[in-house]
Amino acid sequence: TGVSINDLRKNLRDLNDHMERECASSVARYGILLDASLITGIDPPPE
C-alpha cells in the first residue's frame, strides 16, 4: 500500500467511476455525453 501504480490498479473501477462523474458536465460544455470511460491498463516503464 502506498505504491501509486499498485493503488491505481487495485482501484481501477473507482478511477473509472470518478472519470464518469467528473466528465458529466461535458453535455453542457460541448454537447457530447460520455457514456463510459473504460481504463483497462496501467503500465509503468519496464525498469
ModelCIF file with pLDDT and N, C-alpha, C, O atoms, coordinates in Angstrom:
data_MODEL
#
_entry.id   MODEL 
#
_entity.id                         1 
_entity.type                       polymer 
_entity.pdbx_number_of_molecules   1 
#
_entity_poly.entity_id                      1 
_entity_poly.type                           'polypeptide(L)' 
_entity_poly.nstd_linkage                   no 
_entity_poly.nstd_monomer                   no 
_entity_poly.pdbx_seq_one_letter_code       TGVSINDLRKNLRDLNDHMERECASSVARYGILLDASLITGIDPPPE 
_entity_poly.pdbx_seq_one_letter_code_can   TGVSINDLRKNLRDLNDHMERECASSVARYGILLDASLITGIDPPPE 
_entity_poly.pdbx_strand_id                 A 
#
loop_
_entity_poly_seq.entity_id 
_entity_poly_seq.num 
_entity_poly_seq.mon_id 
_entity_poly_seq.hetero 
1 1  THR n 
1 2  GLY n 
1 3  VAL n 
1 4  SER n 
1 5  ILE n 
1 6  ASN n 
1 7  ASP n 
1 8  LEU n 
1 9  ARG n 
1 10 LYS n 
1 11 ASN n 
1 12 LEU n 
1 13 ARG n 
1 14 ASP n 
1 15 LEU n 
1 16 ASN n 
1 17 ASP n 
1 18 HIS n 
1 19 MET n 
1 20 GLU n 
1 21 ARG n 
1 22 GLU n 
1 23 CYS n 
1 24 ALA n 
1 25 SER n 
1 26 SER n 
1 27 VAL n 
1 28 ALA n 
1 29 ARG n 
1 30 TYR n 
1 31 GLY n 
1 32 ILE n 
1 33 LEU n 
1 34 LEU n 
1 35 ASP n 
1 36 ALA n 
1 37 SER n 
1 38 LEU n 
1 39 ILE n 
1 40 THR n 
1 41 GLY n 
1 42 ILE n 
1 43 ASP n 
1 44 PRO n 
1 45 PRO n 
1 46 PRO n 
1 47 GLU n 
#
_struct_asym.id          A 
_struct_asym.entity_id   1 
#
loop_
_ma_qa_metric.id 
_ma_qa_metric.mode 
_ma_qa_metric.name 
_ma_qa_metric.software_group_id 
_ma_qa_metric.type 
1 global pLDDT . pLDDT 
2 local  pLDDT . pLDDT 
#
_ma_qa_metric_global.metric_id      1 
_ma_qa_metric_global.metric_value   81.23 
_ma_qa_metric_global.model_id       1 
_ma_qa_metric_global.ordinal_id     1 
#
loop_
_ma_qa_metric_local.label_asym_id 
_ma_qa_metric_local.label_comp_id 
_ma_qa_metric_local.label_seq_id 
_ma_qa_metric_local.metric_id 
_ma_qa_metric_local.metric_value 
_ma_qa_metric_local.model_id 
_ma_qa_metric_local.ordinal_id 
A THR 1  2 50.00 1 1  
A GLY 2  2 52.00 1 2  
A VAL 3  2 56.00 1 3  
A SER 4  2 70.00 1 4  
A ILE 5  2 75.00 1 5  
A ASN 6  2 76.00 1 6  
A ASP 7  2 80.00 1 7  
A LEU 8  2 82.00 1 8  
A ARG 9  2 80.00 1 9  
A LYS 10 2 82.00 1 10 
A ASN 11 2 84.00 1 11 
A LEU 12 2 85.00 1 12 
A ARG 13 2 86.00 1 13 
A ASP 14 2 86.00 1 14 
A LEU 15 2 86.00 1 15 
A ASN 16 2 87.00 1 16 
A ASP 17 2 87.00 1 17 
A HIS 18 2 87.00 1 18 
A MET 19 2 87.00 1 19 
A GLU 20 2 86.00 1 20 
A ARG 21 2 87.00 1 21 
A GLU 22 2 86.00 1 22 
A CYS 23 2 86.00 1 23 
A ALA 24 2 87.00 1 24 
A SER 25 2 88.00 1 25 
A SER 26 2 90.00 1 26 
A VAL 27 2 91.00 1 27 
A ALA 28 2 91.00 1 28 
A ARG 29 2 90.00 1 29 
A TYR 30 2 91.00 1 30 
A GLY 31 2 91.00 1 31 
A ILE 32 2 92.00 1 32 
A LEU 33 2 91.00 1 33 
A LEU 34 2 86.00 1 34 
A ASP 35 2 81.00 1 35 
A ALA 36 2 78.00 1 36 
A SER 37 2 80.00 1 37 
A LEU 38 2 85.00 1 38 
A ILE 39 2 86.00 1 39 
A THR 40 2 85.00 1 40 
A GLY 41 2 84.00 1 41 
A ILE 42 2 83.00 1 42 
A ASP 43 2 79.00 1 43 
A PRO 44 2 73.00 1 44 
A PRO 45 2 65.00 1 45 
A PRO 46 2 66.00 1 46 
A GLU 47 2 62.00 1 47 
#
loop_
_atom_site.group_PDB 
_atom_site.id 
_atom_site.type_symbol 
_atom_site.label_atom_id 
_atom_site.label_alt_id 
_atom_site.label_comp_id 
_atom_site.label_asym_id 
_atom_site.label_entity_id 
_atom_site.label_seq_id 
_atom_site.pdbx_PDB_ins_code 
_atom_site.Cartn_x 
_atom_site.Cartn_y 
_atom_site.Cartn_z 
_atom_site.occupancy 
_atom_site.B_iso_or_equiv 
_atom_site.pdbx_formal_charge 
_atom_site.auth_seq_id 
_atom_site.auth_comp_id 
_atom_site.auth_asym_id 
_atom_site.auth_atom_id 
_atom_site.pdbx_PDB_model_num 
ATOM 1   N N  . THR A 1 1  ? 0.836   -1.190 0.000   1.00 50.00 ? 1  THR A N  1 
ATOM 2   C CA . THR A 1 1  ? 0.000   0.000  0.000   1.00 50.00 ? 1  THR A CA 1 
ATOM 3   C C  . THR A 1 1  ? 0.876   1.247  0.000   1.00 50.00 ? 1  THR A C  1 
ATOM 4   O O  . THR A 1 1  ? 1.890   1.307  0.696   1.00 50.00 ? 1  THR A O  1 
ATOM 5   N N  . GLY A 1 2  ? 0.472   2.245  -0.791  1.00 52.00 ? 2  GLY A N  1 
ATOM 6   C CA . GLY A 1 2  ? 1.246   3.466  -0.889  1.00 52.00 ? 2  GLY A CA 1 
ATOM 7   C C  . GLY A 1 2  ? 2.027   3.568  -2.174  1.00 52.00 ? 2  GLY A C  1 
ATOM 8   O O  . GLY A 1 2  ? 2.464   4.658  -2.542  1.00 52.00 ? 2  GLY A O  1 
ATOM 9   N N  . VAL A 1 3  ? 2.218   2.443  -2.878  1.00 56.00 ? 3  VAL A N  1 
ATOM 10  C CA . VAL A 1 3  ? 2.848   2.474  -4.195  1.00 56.00 ? 3  VAL A CA 1 
ATOM 11  C C  . VAL A 1 3  ? 1.770   2.861  -5.194  1.00 56.00 ? 3  VAL A C  1 
ATOM 12  O O  . VAL A 1 3  ? 0.788   2.136  -5.351  1.00 56.00 ? 3  VAL A O  1 
ATOM 13  N N  . SER A 1 4  ? 1.937   3.994  -5.874  1.00 70.00 ? 4  SER A N  1 
ATOM 14  C CA . SER A 1 4  ? 0.867   4.580  -6.672  1.00 70.00 ? 4  SER A CA 1 
ATOM 15  C C  . SER A 1 4  ? 0.358   3.631  -7.749  1.00 70.00 ? 4  SER A C  1 
ATOM 16  O O  . SER A 1 4  ? -0.850  3.539  -7.968  1.00 70.00 ? 4  SER A O  1 
ATOM 17  N N  . ILE A 1 5  ? 1.269   2.917  -8.430  1.00 75.00 ? 5  ILE A N  1 
ATOM 18  C CA . ILE A 1 5  ? 0.838   2.019  -9.509  1.00 75.00 ? 5  ILE A CA 1 
ATOM 19  C C  . ILE A 1 5  ? -0.064  0.919  -8.952  1.00 75.00 ? 5  ILE A C  1 
ATOM 20  O O  . ILE A 1 5  ? -1.105  0.611  -9.533  1.00 75.00 ? 5  ILE A O  1 
ATOM 21  N N  . ASN A 1 6  ? 0.342   0.327  -7.820  1.00 76.00 ? 6  ASN A N  1 
ATOM 22  C CA . ASN A 1 6  ? -0.469  -0.720 -7.207  1.00 76.00 ? 6  ASN A CA 1 
ATOM 23  C C  . ASN A 1 6  ? -1.819  -0.181 -6.755  1.00 76.00 ? 6  ASN A C  1 
ATOM 24  O O  . ASN A 1 6  ? -2.847  -0.831 -6.941  1.00 76.00 ? 6  ASN A O  1 
ATOM 25  N N  . ASP A 1 7  ? -1.811  1.014  -6.158  1.00 80.00 ? 7  ASP A N  1 
ATOM 26  C CA . ASP A 1 7  ? -3.075  1.610  -5.711  1.00 80.00 ? 7  ASP A CA 1 
ATOM 27  C C  . ASP A 1 7  ? -4.015  1.853  -6.879  1.00 80.00 ? 7  ASP A C  1 
ATOM 28  O O  . ASP A 1 7  ? -5.216  1.602  -6.774  1.00 80.00 ? 7  ASP A O  1 
ATOM 29  N N  . LEU A 1 8  ? -3.482  2.338  -7.988  1.00 82.00 ? 8  LEU A N  1 
ATOM 30  C CA . LEU A 1 8  ? -4.313  2.605  -9.154  1.00 82.00 ? 8  LEU A CA 1 
ATOM 31  C C  . LEU A 1 8  ? -4.875  1.316  -9.737  1.00 82.00 ? 8  LEU A C  1 
ATOM 32  O O  . LEU A 1 8  ? -6.048  1.252  -10.105 1.00 82.00 ? 8  LEU A O  1 
ATOM 33  N N  . ARG A 1 9  ? -4.040  0.296  -9.818  1.00 80.00 ? 9  ARG A N  1 
ATOM 34  C CA . ARG A 1 9  ? -4.508  -0.973 -10.385 1.00 80.00 ? 9  ARG A CA 1 
ATOM 35  C C  . ARG A 1 9  ? -5.580  -1.613 -9.511  1.00 80.00 ? 9  ARG A C  1 
ATOM 36  O O  . ARG A 1 9  ? -6.543  -2.184 -10.024 1.00 80.00 ? 9  ARG A O  1 
ATOM 37  N N  . LYS A 1 10 ? -5.416  -1.520 -8.182  1.00 82.00 ? 10 LYS A N  1 
ATOM 38  C CA . LYS A 1 10 ? -6.396  -2.123 -7.285  1.00 82.00 ? 10 LYS A CA 1 
ATOM 39  C C  . LYS A 1 10 ? -7.723  -1.365 -7.294  1.00 82.00 ? 10 LYS A C  1 
ATOM 40  O O  . LYS A 1 10 ? -8.776  -1.945 -7.027  1.00 82.00 ? 10 LYS A O  1 
ATOM 41  N N  . ASN A 1 11 ? -7.669  -0.075 -7.601  1.00 84.00 ? 11 ASN A N  1 
ATOM 42  C CA . ASN A 1 11 ? -8.873  0.766  -7.551  1.00 84.00 ? 11 ASN A CA 1 
ATOM 43  C C  . ASN A 1 11 ? -9.252  1.260  -8.942  1.00 84.00 ? 11 ASN A C  1 
ATOM 44  O O  . ASN A 1 11 ? -9.692  2.398  -9.106  1.00 84.00 ? 11 ASN A O  1 
ATOM 45  N N  . LEU A 1 12 ? -9.077  0.399  -9.943  1.00 85.00 ? 12 LEU A N  1 
ATOM 46  C CA . LEU A 1 12 ? -9.355  0.797  -11.326 1.00 85.00 ? 12 LEU A CA 1 
ATOM 47  C C  . LEU A 1 12 ? -10.829 1.130  -11.523 1.00 85.00 ? 12 LEU A C  1 
ATOM 48  O O  . LEU A 1 12 ? -11.166 2.055  -12.262 1.00 85.00 ? 12 LEU A O  1 
ATOM 49  N N  . ARG A 1 13 ? -11.696 0.387  -10.870 1.00 86.00 ? 13 ARG A N  1 
ATOM 50  C CA . ARG A 1 13 ? -13.131 0.671  -11.002 1.00 86.00 ? 13 ARG A CA 1 
ATOM 51  C C  . ARG A 1 13 ? -13.482 2.032  -10.408 1.00 86.00 ? 13 ARG A C  1 
ATOM 52  O O  . ARG A 1 13 ? -14.263 2.784  -10.989 1.00 86.00 ? 13 ARG A O  1 
ATOM 53  N N  . ASP A 1 14 ? -12.903 2.346  -9.250  1.00 86.00 ? 14 ASP A N  1 
ATOM 54  C CA . ASP A 1 14 ? -13.157 3.661  -8.648  1.00 86.00 ? 14 ASP A CA 1 
ATOM 55  C C  . ASP A 1 14 ? -12.645 4.782  -9.546  1.00 86.00 ? 14 ASP A C  1 
ATOM 56  O O  . ASP A 1 14 ? -13.255 5.848  -9.626  1.00 86.00 ? 14 ASP A O  1 
ATOM 57  N N  . LEU A 1 15 ? -11.526 4.539  -10.218 1.00 86.00 ? 15 LEU A N  1 
ATOM 58  C CA . LEU A 1 15 ? -10.983 5.541  -11.129 1.00 86.00 ? 15 LEU A CA 1 
ATOM 59  C C  . LEU A 1 15 ? -11.937 5.780  -12.301 1.00 86.00 ? 15 LEU A C  1 
ATOM 60  O O  . LEU A 1 15 ? -12.170 6.926  -12.686 1.00 86.00 ? 15 LEU A O  1 
ATOM 61  N N  . ASN A 1 16 ? -12.484 4.714  -12.864 1.00 87.00 ? 16 ASN A N  1 
ATOM 62  C CA . ASN A 1 16 ? -13.442 4.856  -13.964 1.00 87.00 ? 16 ASN A CA 1 
ATOM 63  C C  . ASN A 1 16 ? -14.709 5.579  -13.502 1.00 87.00 ? 16 ASN A C  1 
ATOM 64  O O  . ASN A 1 16 ? -15.240 6.428  -14.217 1.00 87.00 ? 16 ASN A O  1 
ATOM 65  N N  . ASP A 1 17 ? -15.185 5.238  -12.308 1.00 87.00 ? 17 ASP A N  1 
ATOM 66  C CA . ASP A 1 17 ? -16.383 5.910  -11.783 1.00 87.00 ? 17 ASP A CA 1 
ATOM 67  C C  . ASP A 1 17 ? -16.123 7.398  -11.569 1.00 87.00 ? 17 ASP A C  1 
ATOM 68  O O  . ASP A 1 17 ? -16.985 8.231  -11.848 1.00 87.00 ? 17 ASP A O  1 
ATOM 69  N N  . HIS A 1 18 ? -14.947 7.723  -11.080 1.00 87.00 ? 18 HIS A N  1 
ATOM 70  C CA . HIS A 1 18 ? -14.605 9.138  -10.869 1.00 87.00 ? 18 HIS A CA 1 
ATOM 71  C C  . HIS A 1 18 ? -14.592 9.892  -12.194 1.00 87.00 ? 18 HIS A C  1 
ATOM 72  O O  . HIS A 1 18 ? -15.077 11.021 -12.267 1.00 87.00 ? 18 HIS A O  1 
ATOM 73  N N  . MET A 1 19 ? -14.043 9.280  -13.240 1.00 87.00 ? 19 MET A N  1 
ATOM 74  C CA . MET A 1 19 ? -13.985 9.944  -14.540 1.00 87.00 ? 19 MET A CA 1 
ATOM 75  C C  . MET A 1 19 ? -15.387 10.181 -15.092 1.00 87.00 ? 19 MET A C  1 
ATOM 76  O O  . MET A 1 19 ? -15.646 11.221 -15.698 1.00 87.00 ? 19 MET A O  1 
ATOM 77  N N  . GLU A 1 20 ? -16.282 9.238  -14.890 1.00 86.00 ? 20 GLU A N  1 
ATOM 78  C CA . GLU A 1 20 ? -17.658 9.428  -15.364 1.00 86.00 ? 20 GLU A CA 1 
ATOM 79  C C  . GLU A 1 20 ? -18.332 10.588 -14.642 1.00 86.00 ? 20 GLU A C  1 
ATOM 80  O O  . GLU A 1 20 ? -19.046 11.381 -15.255 1.00 86.00 ? 20 GLU A O  1 
ATOM 81  N N  . ARG A 1 21 ? -18.101 10.682 -13.341 1.00 87.00 ? 21 ARG A N  1 
ATOM 82  C CA . ARG A 1 21 ? -18.717 11.781 -12.580 1.00 87.00 ? 21 ARG A CA 1 
ATOM 83  C C  . ARG A 1 21 ? -18.141 13.128 -12.992 1.00 87.00 ? 21 ARG A C  1 
ATOM 84  O O  . ARG A 1 21 ? -18.879 14.096 -13.178 1.00 87.00 ? 21 ARG A O  1 
ATOM 85  N N  . GLU A 1 22 ? -16.817 13.188 -13.134 1.00 86.00 ? 22 GLU A N  1 
ATOM 86  C CA . GLU A 1 22 ? -16.180 14.463 -13.447 1.00 86.00 ? 22 GLU A CA 1 
ATOM 87  C C  . GLU A 1 22 ? -16.506 14.924 -14.866 1.00 86.00 ? 22 GLU A C  1 
ATOM 88  O O  . GLU A 1 22 ? -16.556 16.125 -15.129 1.00 86.00 ? 22 GLU A O  1 
ATOM 89  N N  . CYS A 1 23 ? -16.727 13.987 -15.774 1.00 86.00 ? 23 CYS A N  1 
ATOM 90  C CA . CYS A 1 23 ? -16.988 14.341 -17.171 1.00 86.00 ? 23 CYS A CA 1 
ATOM 91  C C  . CYS A 1 23 ? -18.473 14.452 -17.473 1.00 86.00 ? 23 CYS A C  1 
ATOM 92  O O  . CYS A 1 23 ? -18.860 14.599 -18.632 1.00 86.00 ? 23 CYS A O  1 
ATOM 93  N N  . ALA A 1 24 ? -19.312 14.383 -16.439 1.00 87.00 ? 24 ALA A N  1 
ATOM 94  C CA . ALA A 1 24 ? -20.753 14.517 -16.668 1.00 87.00 ? 24 ALA A CA 1 
ATOM 95  C C  . ALA A 1 24 ? -21.109 15.903 -17.189 1.00 87.00 ? 24 ALA A C  1 
ATOM 96  O O  . ALA A 1 24 ? -22.156 16.076 -17.813 1.00 87.00 ? 24 ALA A O  1 
ATOM 97  N N  . SER A 1 25 ? -20.252 16.894 -16.943 1.00 88.00 ? 25 SER A N  1 
ATOM 98  C CA . SER A 1 25 ? -20.530 18.255 -17.405 1.00 88.00 ? 25 SER A CA 1 
ATOM 99  C C  . SER A 1 25 ? -20.228 18.451 -18.889 1.00 88.00 ? 25 SER A C  1 
ATOM 100 O O  . SER A 1 25 ? -20.467 19.533 -19.424 1.00 88.00 ? 25 SER A O  1 
ATOM 101 N N  . SER A 1 26 ? -19.702 17.415 -19.571 1.00 90.00 ? 26 SER A N  1 
ATOM 102 C CA . SER A 1 26 ? -19.367 17.568 -20.987 1.00 90.00 ? 26 SER A CA 1 
ATOM 103 C C  . SER A 1 26 ? -20.609 17.807 -21.844 1.00 90.00 ? 26 SER A C  1 
ATOM 104 O O  . SER A 1 26 ? -20.510 18.371 -22.933 1.00 90.00 ? 26 SER A O  1 
ATOM 105 N N  . VAL A 1 27 ? -21.775 17.384 -21.360 1.00 91.00 ? 27 VAL A N  1 
ATOM 106 C CA . VAL A 1 27 ? -23.019 17.630 -22.111 1.00 91.00 ? 27 VAL A CA 1 
ATOM 107 C C  . VAL A 1 27 ? -23.279 19.128 -22.191 1.00 91.00 ? 27 VAL A C  1 
ATOM 108 O O  . VAL A 1 27 ? -23.553 19.662 -23.265 1.00 91.00 ? 27 VAL A O  1 
ATOM 109 N N  . ALA A 1 28 ? -23.192 19.799 -21.055 1.00 91.00 ? 28 ALA A N  1 
ATOM 110 C CA . ALA A 1 28 ? -23.440 21.248 -21.042 1.00 91.00 ? 28 ALA A CA 1 
ATOM 111 C C  . ALA A 1 28 ? -22.305 22.018 -21.699 1.00 91.00 ? 28 ALA A C  1 
ATOM 112 O O  . ALA A 1 28 ? -22.537 23.093 -22.252 1.00 91.00 ? 28 ALA A O  1 
ATOM 113 N N  . ARG A 1 29 ? -21.086 21.497 -21.654 1.00 90.00 ? 29 ARG A N  1 
ATOM 114 C CA . ARG A 1 29 ? -19.935 22.198 -22.220 1.00 90.00 ? 29 ARG A CA 1 
ATOM 115 C C  . ARG A 1 29 ? -19.866 22.064 -23.732 1.00 90.00 ? 29 ARG A C  1 
ATOM 116 O O  . ARG A 1 29 ? -19.761 23.055 -24.454 1.00 90.00 ? 29 ARG A O  1 
ATOM 117 N N  . TYR A 1 30 ? -19.927 20.813 -24.203 1.00 91.00 ? 30 TYR A N  1 
ATOM 118 C CA . TYR A 1 30 ? -19.622 20.545 -25.617 1.00 91.00 ? 30 TYR A CA 1 
ATOM 119 C C  . TYR A 1 30 ? -20.735 19.821 -26.375 1.00 91.00 ? 30 TYR A C  1 
ATOM 120 O O  . TYR A 1 30 ? -20.599 19.564 -27.571 1.00 91.00 ? 30 TYR A O  1 
ATOM 121 N N  . GLY A 1 31 ? -21.830 19.492 -25.693 1.00 91.00 ? 31 GLY A N  1 
ATOM 122 C CA . GLY A 1 31 ? -22.907 18.779 -26.375 1.00 91.00 ? 31 GLY A CA 1 
ATOM 123 C C  . GLY A 1 31 ? -22.581 17.329 -26.628 1.00 91.00 ? 31 GLY A C  1 
ATOM 124 O O  . GLY A 1 31 ? -23.166 16.721 -27.525 1.00 91.00 ? 31 GLY A O  1 
ATOM 125 N N  . ILE A 1 32 ? -21.664 16.750 -25.868 1.00 92.00 ? 32 ILE A N  1 
ATOM 126 C CA . ILE A 1 32 ? -21.268 15.346 -26.024 1.00 92.00 ? 32 ILE A CA 1 
ATOM 127 C C  . ILE A 1 32 ? -21.433 14.659 -24.677 1.00 92.00 ? 32 ILE A C  1 
ATOM 128 O O  . ILE A 1 32 ? -20.962 15.158 -23.655 1.00 92.00 ? 32 ILE A O  1 
ATOM 129 N N  . LEU A 1 33 ? -22.098 13.524 -24.681 1.00 91.00 ? 33 LEU A N  1 
ATOM 130 C CA . LEU A 1 33 ? -22.309 12.749 -23.471 1.00 91.00 ? 33 LEU A CA 1 
ATOM 131 C C  . LEU A 1 33 ? -21.320 11.587 -23.440 1.00 91.00 ? 33 LEU A C  1 
ATOM 132 O O  . LEU A 1 33 ? -21.290 10.770 -24.361 1.00 91.00 ? 33 LEU A O  1 
ATOM 133 N N  . LEU A 1 34 ? -20.512 11.512 -22.381 1.00 86.00 ? 34 LEU A N  1 
ATOM 134 C CA . LEU A 1 34 ? -19.592 10.398 -22.192 1.00 86.00 ? 34 LEU A CA 1 
ATOM 135 C C  . LEU A 1 34 ? -20.348 9.266  -21.502 1.00 86.00 ? 34 LEU A C  1 
ATOM 136 O O  . LEU A 1 34 ? -20.657 9.345  -20.314 1.00 86.00 ? 34 LEU A O  1 
ATOM 137 N N  . ASP A 1 35 ? -20.639 8.218  -22.260 1.00 81.00 ? 35 ASP A N  1 
ATOM 138 C CA . ASP A 1 35 ? -21.364 7.083  -21.685 1.00 81.00 ? 35 ASP A CA 1 
ATOM 139 C C  . ASP A 1 35 ? -20.518 6.343  -20.661 1.00 81.00 ? 35 ASP A C  1 
ATOM 140 O O  . ASP A 1 35 ? -21.020 5.954  -19.606 1.00 81.00 ? 35 ASP A O  1 
ATOM 141 N N  . ALA A 1 36 ? -19.252 6.146  -20.959 1.00 78.00 ? 36 ALA A N  1 
ATOM 142 C CA . ALA A 1 36 ? -18.378 5.407  -20.044 1.00 78.00 ? 36 ALA A CA 1 
ATOM 143 C C  . ALA A 1 36 ? -16.928 5.620  -20.436 1.00 78.00 ? 36 ALA A C  1 
ATOM 144 O O  . ALA A 1 36 ? -16.597 5.810  -21.606 1.00 78.00 ? 36 ALA A O  1 
ATOM 145 N N  . SER A 1 37 ? -16.077 5.583  -19.429 1.00 80.00 ? 37 SER A N  1 
ATOM 146 C CA . SER A 1 37 ? -14.635 5.561  -19.663 1.00 80.00 ? 37 SER A CA 1 
ATOM 147 C C  . SER A 1 37 ? -14.127 4.212  -19.183 1.00 80.00 ? 37 SER A C  1 
ATOM 148 O O  . SER A 1 37 ? -14.312 3.842  -18.024 1.00 80.00 ? 37 SER A O  1 
ATOM 149 N N  . LEU A 1 38 ? -13.490 3.491  -20.076 1.00 85.00 ? 38 LEU A N  1 
ATOM 150 C CA . LEU A 1 38 ? -13.041 2.141  -19.761 1.00 85.00 ? 38 LEU A CA 1 
ATOM 151 C C  . LEU A 1 38 ? -11.517 2.109  -19.758 1.00 85.00 ? 38 LEU A C  1 
ATOM 152 O O  . LEU A 1 38 ? -10.891 1.780  -20.765 1.00 85.00 ? 38 LEU A O  1 
ATOM 153 N N  . ILE A 1 39 ? -10.934 2.452  -18.621 1.00 86.00 ? 39 ILE A N  1 
ATOM 154 C CA . ILE A 1 39 ? -9.476  2.376  -18.471 1.00 86.00 ? 39 ILE A CA 1 
ATOM 155 C C  . ILE A 1 39 ? -9.129  0.928  -18.167 1.00 86.00 ? 39 ILE A C  1 
ATOM 156 O O  . ILE A 1 39 ? -9.492  0.404  -17.114 1.00 86.00 ? 39 ILE A O  1 
ATOM 157 N N  . THR A 1 40 ? -8.434  0.291  -19.079 1.00 85.00 ? 40 THR A N  1 
ATOM 158 C CA . THR A 1 40 ? -8.190  -1.147 -18.964 1.00 85.00 ? 40 THR A CA 1 
ATOM 159 C C  . THR A 1 40 ? -6.777  -1.486 -18.537 1.00 85.00 ? 40 THR A C  1 
ATOM 160 O O  . THR A 1 40 ? -6.549  -2.589 -18.040 1.00 85.00 ? 40 THR A O  1 
ATOM 161 N N  . GLY A 1 41 ? -5.810  -0.584 -18.708 1.00 84.00 ? 41 GLY A N  1 
ATOM 162 C CA . GLY A 1 41 ? -4.432  -0.912 -18.393 1.00 84.00 ? 41 GLY A CA 1 
ATOM 163 C C  . GLY A 1 41 ? -3.674  0.269  -17.836 1.00 84.00 ? 41 GLY A C  1 
ATOM 164 O O  . GLY A 1 41 ? -3.818  1.397  -18.308 1.00 84.00 ? 41 GLY A O  1 
ATOM 165 N N  . ILE A 1 42 ? -2.855  -0.001 -16.817 1.00 83.00 ? 42 ILE A N  1 
ATOM 166 C CA . ILE A 1 42 ? -1.957  0.997  -16.234 1.00 83.00 ? 42 ILE A CA 1 
ATOM 167 C C  . ILE A 1 42 ? -0.582  0.346  -16.173 1.00 83.00 ? 42 ILE A C  1 
ATOM 168 O O  . ILE A 1 42 ? -0.331  -0.506 -15.321 1.00 83.00 ? 42 ILE A O  1 
ATOM 169 N N  . ASP A 1 43 ? 0.298   0.743  -17.066 1.00 79.00 ? 43 ASP A N  1 
ATOM 170 C CA . ASP A 1 43 ? 1.587   0.065  -17.213 1.00 79.00 ? 43 ASP A CA 1 
ATOM 171 C C  . ASP A 1 43 ? 2.732   1.056  -17.003 1.00 79.00 ? 43 ASP A C  1 
ATOM 172 O O  . ASP A 1 43 ? 2.841   2.043  -17.731 1.00 79.00 ? 43 ASP A O  1 
ATOM 173 N N  . PRO A 1 44 ? 3.583   0.796  -16.012 1.00 73.00 ? 44 PRO A N  1 
ATOM 174 C CA . PRO A 1 44 ? 4.754   1.653  -15.791 1.00 73.00 ? 44 PRO A CA 1 
ATOM 175 C C  . PRO A 1 44 ? 5.878   1.274  -16.750 1.00 73.00 ? 44 PRO A C  1 
ATOM 176 O O  . PRO A 1 44 ? 5.745   0.289  -17.475 1.00 73.00 ? 44 PRO A O  1 
ATOM 177 N N  . PRO A 1 45 ? 6.979   2.024  -16.777 1.00 65.00 ? 45 PRO A N  1 
ATOM 178 C CA . PRO A 1 45 ? 8.138   1.660  -17.610 1.00 65.00 ? 45 PRO A CA 1 
ATOM 179 C C  . PRO A 1 45 ? 8.688   0.285  -17.197 1.00 65.00 ? 45 PRO A C  1 
ATOM 180 O O  . PRO A 1 45 ? 8.461   -0.156 -16.070 1.00 65.00 ? 45 PRO A O  1 
ATOM 181 N N  . PRO A 1 46 ? 9.407   -0.393 -18.102 1.00 66.00 ? 46 PRO A N  1 
ATOM 182 C CA . PRO A 1 46 ? 9.915   -1.745 -17.800 1.00 66.00 ? 46 PRO A CA 1 
ATOM 183 C C  . PRO A 1 46 ? 10.778  -1.800 -16.556 1.00 66.00 ? 46 PRO A C  1 
ATOM 184 O O  . PRO A 1 46 ? 10.677  -2.752 -15.782 1.00 66.00 ? 46 PRO A O  1 
ATOM 185 N N  . GLU A 1 47 ? 11.635  -0.790 -16.339 1.00 62.00 ? 47 GLU A N  1 
ATOM 186 C CA . GLU A 1 47 ? 12.522  -0.835 -15.175 1.00 62.00 ? 47 GLU A CA 1 
ATOM 187 C C  . GLU A 1 47 ? 11.734  -0.705 -13.878 1.00 62.00 ? 47 GLU A C  1 
ATOM 188 O O  . GLU A 1 47 ? 12.320  -0.723 -12.796 1.00 62.00 ? 47 GLU A O  1 
#
